[in-house]
Amino acid sequence: MNNEELIKENLALKDEIQLLKEHLKKYTAPLNKKKYYENNKEEIKAKVKEYKEKTNYYSNLTIEKKKEYAKRAYLNKKAKLEKEKQENQNI
């Protein structure tokens, strides 16, 4: 390759990089997202509320229930680790 070809290729790549950067800004620009959420705040809240009702989502668990779930998960994890440890010792 001679110098002229390299210069042409370099310019073409720079143009492509510029196009890709502009395209990427469309998806990563936080100002656009902020404006969208400010303008459509009520609609988004309504959609989230509707989704939570549809999927029967409860975030208002009592402290006792949370503790119960955490303890159950801990005991299951502990039992699983002990079982794997015994299997490894038997092998």
N, C-alpha and C. Protein backbone atom coordinates (compact mmCIF):
# COMPACT_ATOMS: atom_id res chain seq x y z
N MET A 1 0.83 -1.18 0.00
CA MET A 1 0.00 0.00 0.00
C MET A 1 0.88 1.24 0.00
N ASN A 2 0.44 2.17 -0.76
CA ASN A 2 1.21 3.41 -0.76
C ASN A 2 0.55 4.44 0.18
N ASN A 3 1.17 5.57 0.27
CA ASN A 3 0.74 6.62 1.19
C ASN A 3 -0.68 7.11 0.91
N GLU A 4 -1.01 7.29 -0.36
CA GLU A 4 -2.32 7.82 -0.73
C GLU A 4 -3.44 6.88 -0.29
N GLU A 5 -3.24 5.59 -0.48
CA GLU A 5 -4.24 4.61 -0.08
C GLU A 5 -4.43 4.62 1.43
N LEU A 6 -3.35 4.72 2.16
CA LEU A 6 -3.44 4.76 3.61
C LEU A 6 -4.17 6.00 4.09
N ILE A 7 -3.92 7.11 3.46
CA ILE A 7 -4.59 8.36 3.84
C ILE A 7 -6.09 8.25 3.56
N LYS A 8 -6.46 7.70 2.39
CA LYS A 8 -7.87 7.52 2.05
C LYS A 8 -8.56 6.60 3.05
N GLU A 9 -7.88 5.49 3.36
CA GLU A 9 -8.46 4.54 4.31
C GLU A 9 -8.62 5.18 5.69
N ASN A 10 -7.62 5.96 6.10
CA ASN A 10 -7.67 6.63 7.39
C ASN A 10 -8.86 7.61 7.44
N LEU A 11 -9.06 8.37 6.38
CA LEU A 11 -10.18 9.31 6.35
C LEU A 11 -11.53 8.58 6.37
N ALA A 12 -11.60 7.46 5.65
CA ALA A 12 -12.84 6.68 5.63
C ALA A 12 -13.14 6.14 7.03
N LEU A 13 -12.12 5.67 7.72
CA LEU A 13 -12.32 5.15 9.06
C LEU A 13 -12.71 6.25 10.04
N LYS A 14 -12.13 7.42 9.88
CA LYS A 14 -12.50 8.54 10.75
C LYS A 14 -13.96 8.93 10.54
N ASP A 15 -14.41 8.94 9.29
CA ASP A 15 -15.82 9.24 9.01
C ASP A 15 -16.74 8.20 9.64
N GLU A 16 -16.34 6.94 9.51
CA GLU A 16 -17.14 5.86 10.09
C GLU A 16 -17.20 5.99 11.61
N ILE A 17 -16.09 6.31 12.24
CA ILE A 17 -16.06 6.48 13.69
C ILE A 17 -16.99 7.62 14.10
N GLN A 18 -16.98 8.71 13.36
CA GLN A 18 -17.84 9.84 13.67
C GLN A 18 -19.31 9.46 13.57
N LEU A 19 -19.66 8.72 12.53
CA LEU A 19 -21.04 8.26 12.37
C LEU A 19 -21.46 7.36 13.52
N LEU A 20 -20.58 6.44 13.91
CA LEU A 20 -20.90 5.53 15.00
C LEU A 20 -21.05 6.26 16.33
N LYS A 21 -20.21 7.26 16.55
CA LYS A 21 -20.32 8.04 17.78
C LYS A 21 -21.65 8.78 17.85
N GLU A 22 -22.07 9.36 16.73
CA GLU A 22 -23.35 10.05 16.69
C GLU A 22 -24.51 9.08 16.92
N HIS A 23 -24.40 7.90 16.34
CA HIS A 23 -25.43 6.88 16.53
C HIS A 23 -25.48 6.42 17.98
N LEU A 24 -24.34 6.29 18.61
CA LEU A 24 -24.26 5.85 20.00
C LEU A 24 -24.83 6.89 20.95
N LYS A 25 -24.66 8.15 20.64
CA LYS A 25 -25.21 9.22 21.48
C LYS A 25 -26.71 9.08 21.63
N LYS A 26 -27.35 8.59 20.61
CA LYS A 26 -28.80 8.41 20.63
C LYS A 26 -29.22 7.50 21.78
N TYR A 27 -28.40 6.53 22.11
CA TYR A 27 -28.76 5.56 23.13
C TYR A 27 -28.15 5.86 24.49
N THR A 28 -27.12 6.66 24.54
CA THR A 28 -26.43 6.88 25.80
C THR A 28 -26.58 8.29 26.35
N ALA A 29 -27.28 9.15 25.66
CA ALA A 29 -27.42 10.53 26.11
C ALA A 29 -28.39 10.58 27.29
N PRO A 30 -27.93 10.87 28.49
CA PRO A 30 -28.82 10.87 29.65
C PRO A 30 -29.82 12.03 29.64
N LEU A 31 -29.49 13.14 28.98
CA LEU A 31 -30.43 14.27 28.95
C LEU A 31 -31.72 13.91 28.23
N ASN A 32 -31.59 13.14 27.15
CA ASN A 32 -32.80 12.74 26.43
C ASN A 32 -33.69 11.86 27.30
N LYS A 33 -33.07 10.93 28.02
CA LYS A 33 -33.84 10.05 28.88
C LYS A 33 -34.50 10.83 30.00
N LYS A 34 -33.76 11.76 30.58
CA LYS A 34 -34.30 12.57 31.66
C LYS A 34 -35.51 13.38 31.18
N LYS A 35 -35.38 13.98 30.02
CA LYS A 35 -36.49 14.75 29.46
C LYS A 35 -37.70 13.86 29.23
N TYR A 36 -37.47 12.66 28.70
CA TYR A 36 -38.56 11.74 28.42
C TYR A 36 -39.31 11.39 29.71
N TYR A 37 -38.56 11.05 30.76
CA TYR A 37 -39.20 10.66 32.01
C TYR A 37 -39.88 11.84 32.69
N GLU A 38 -39.33 13.05 32.54
CA GLU A 38 -39.99 14.22 33.11
C GLU A 38 -41.30 14.50 32.38
N ASN A 39 -41.31 14.34 31.08
CA ASN A 39 -42.52 14.62 30.30
C ASN A 39 -43.58 13.54 30.46
N ASN A 40 -43.19 12.31 30.69
CA ASN A 40 -44.13 11.19 30.74
C ASN A 40 -44.18 10.54 32.12
N LYS A 41 -43.93 11.31 33.15
CA LYS A 41 -43.82 10.78 34.50
C LYS A 41 -45.10 10.04 34.93
N GLU A 42 -46.24 10.65 34.73
CA GLU A 42 -47.50 10.06 35.17
C GLU A 42 -47.82 8.78 34.41
N GLU A 43 -47.56 8.77 33.11
CA GLU A 43 -47.81 7.57 32.31
C GLU A 43 -46.94 6.41 32.78
N ILE A 44 -45.68 6.69 33.06
CA ILE A 44 -44.76 5.64 33.50
C ILE A 44 -45.18 5.09 34.85
N LYS A 45 -45.56 5.98 35.76
CA LYS A 45 -46.03 5.52 37.08
C LYS A 45 -47.27 4.65 36.94
N ALA A 46 -48.17 5.03 36.05
CA ALA A 46 -49.39 4.26 35.83
C ALA A 46 -49.06 2.87 35.27
N LYS A 47 -48.11 2.83 34.32
CA LYS A 47 -47.71 1.54 33.74
C LYS A 47 -47.08 0.63 34.78
N VAL A 48 -46.24 1.20 35.64
CA VAL A 48 -45.59 0.40 36.69
C VAL A 48 -46.63 -0.13 37.67
N LYS A 49 -47.56 0.73 38.06
CA LYS A 49 -48.61 0.31 38.99
C LYS A 49 -49.45 -0.81 38.38
N GLU A 50 -49.82 -0.64 37.11
CA GLU A 50 -50.61 -1.66 36.42
C GLU A 50 -49.85 -2.98 36.33
N TYR A 51 -48.55 -2.91 36.04
CA TYR A 51 -47.74 -4.13 35.94
C TYR A 51 -47.66 -4.83 37.29
N LYS A 52 -47.47 -4.06 38.36
CA LYS A 52 -47.38 -4.66 39.69
C LYS A 52 -48.68 -5.34 40.06
N GLU A 53 -49.80 -4.73 39.73
CA GLU A 53 -51.08 -5.36 40.02
C GLU A 53 -51.28 -6.60 39.17
N LYS A 54 -50.88 -6.54 37.92
CA LYS A 54 -51.07 -7.67 37.00
C LYS A 54 -50.23 -8.87 37.43
N THR A 55 -49.00 -8.61 37.88
CA THR A 55 -48.11 -9.71 38.25
C THR A 55 -48.21 -10.08 39.72
N ASN A 56 -49.10 -9.40 40.45
CA ASN A 56 -49.31 -9.67 41.86
C ASN A 56 -48.01 -9.47 42.65
N TYR A 57 -47.38 -8.34 42.41
CA TYR A 57 -46.10 -8.01 43.03
C TYR A 57 -46.34 -7.31 44.36
N TYR A 58 -45.71 -7.83 45.42
CA TYR A 58 -45.84 -7.22 46.73
C TYR A 58 -44.47 -6.86 47.26
N SER A 59 -44.24 -5.58 47.44
CA SER A 59 -42.97 -5.14 48.02
C SER A 59 -43.14 -4.82 49.49
N ASN A 60 -44.36 -4.92 50.00
CA ASN A 60 -44.63 -4.58 51.38
C ASN A 60 -44.62 -5.82 52.26
N LEU A 61 -43.54 -6.56 52.25
CA LEU A 61 -43.43 -7.73 53.09
C LEU A 61 -43.09 -7.29 54.51
N THR A 62 -43.62 -8.02 55.46
CA THR A 62 -43.31 -7.70 56.85
C THR A 62 -41.88 -8.11 57.16
N ILE A 63 -41.35 -7.56 58.21
CA ILE A 63 -39.97 -7.87 58.60
C ILE A 63 -39.85 -9.35 58.95
N GLU A 64 -40.89 -9.90 59.59
CA GLU A 64 -40.85 -11.32 59.96
C GLU A 64 -40.78 -12.21 58.72
N LYS A 65 -41.56 -11.85 57.69
CA LYS A 65 -41.54 -12.64 56.45
C LYS A 65 -40.17 -12.57 55.79
N LYS A 66 -39.59 -11.37 55.77
CA LYS A 66 -38.26 -11.23 55.17
C LYS A 66 -37.25 -12.08 55.91
N LYS A 67 -37.31 -12.07 57.23
CA LYS A 67 -36.38 -12.88 58.03
C LYS A 67 -36.61 -14.37 57.76
N GLU A 68 -37.87 -14.75 57.66
CA GLU A 68 -38.19 -16.15 57.39
C GLU A 68 -37.62 -16.60 56.04
N TYR A 69 -37.81 -15.77 55.02
CA TYR A 69 -37.29 -16.11 53.69
C TYR A 69 -35.77 -16.16 53.69
N ALA A 70 -35.13 -15.23 54.37
CA ALA A 70 -33.67 -15.20 54.42
C ALA A 70 -33.14 -16.43 55.14
N LYS A 71 -33.80 -16.81 56.23
CA LYS A 71 -33.35 -17.99 56.99
C LYS A 71 -33.52 -19.25 56.16
N ARG A 72 -34.63 -19.37 55.46
CA ARG A 72 -34.88 -20.54 54.63
C ARG A 72 -33.83 -20.63 53.51
N ALA A 73 -33.52 -19.50 52.89
CA ALA A 73 -32.52 -19.49 51.83
C ALA A 73 -31.15 -19.88 52.39
N TYR A 74 -30.83 -19.37 53.57
CA TYR A 74 -29.55 -19.70 54.20
C TYR A 74 -29.46 -21.19 54.51
N LEU A 75 -30.51 -21.75 55.06
CA LEU A 75 -30.49 -23.18 55.40
C LEU A 75 -30.41 -24.05 54.16
N ASN A 76 -31.12 -23.67 53.11
CA ASN A 76 -31.04 -24.43 51.86
C ASN A 76 -29.64 -24.37 51.26
N LYS A 77 -29.03 -23.19 51.29
CA LYS A 77 -27.68 -23.04 50.77
C LYS A 77 -26.69 -23.85 51.58
N LYS A 78 -26.86 -23.81 52.90
CA LYS A 78 -25.97 -24.56 53.79
C LYS A 78 -26.10 -26.07 53.53
N ALA A 79 -27.33 -26.56 53.39
CA ALA A 79 -27.55 -27.98 53.13
C ALA A 79 -26.95 -28.38 51.79
N LYS A 80 -27.09 -27.54 50.80
CA LYS A 80 -26.54 -27.83 49.48
C LYS A 80 -25.02 -27.92 49.53
N LEU A 81 -24.38 -26.98 50.24
CA LEU A 81 -22.92 -27.00 50.37
C LEU A 81 -22.44 -28.24 51.11
N GLU A 82 -23.15 -28.62 52.17
CA GLU A 82 -22.78 -29.83 52.92
C GLU A 82 -22.92 -31.07 52.04
N LYS A 83 -23.98 -31.13 51.26
CA LYS A 83 -24.20 -32.27 50.37
C LYS A 83 -23.06 -32.36 49.34
N GLU A 84 -22.71 -31.23 48.75
CA GLU A 84 -21.60 -31.22 47.76
C GLU A 84 -20.28 -31.61 48.41
N LYS A 85 -20.08 -31.17 49.64
CA LYS A 85 -18.85 -31.49 50.35
C LYS A 85 -18.77 -33.00 50.62
N GLN A 86 -19.88 -33.60 51.03
CA GLN A 86 -19.90 -35.04 51.26
C GLN A 86 -19.68 -35.82 49.98
N GLU A 87 -20.28 -35.36 48.88
CA GLU A 87 -20.09 -36.02 47.59
C GLU A 87 -18.64 -35.95 47.15
N ASN A 88 -17.99 -34.83 47.38
CA ASN A 88 -16.59 -34.69 47.03
C ASN A 88 -15.70 -35.57 47.87
N GLN A 89 -16.05 -35.74 49.14
CA GLN A 89 -15.25 -36.61 50.01
C GLN A 89 -15.44 -38.07 49.64
N ASN A 90 -16.61 -38.46 49.20
CA ASN A 90 -16.89 -39.85 48.82
C ASN A 90 -16.19 -40.22 47.52
N ILE A 91 -15.92 -39.27 46.70
CA ILE A 91 -15.31 -39.56 45.40
C ILE A 91 -13.85 -39.73 45.53
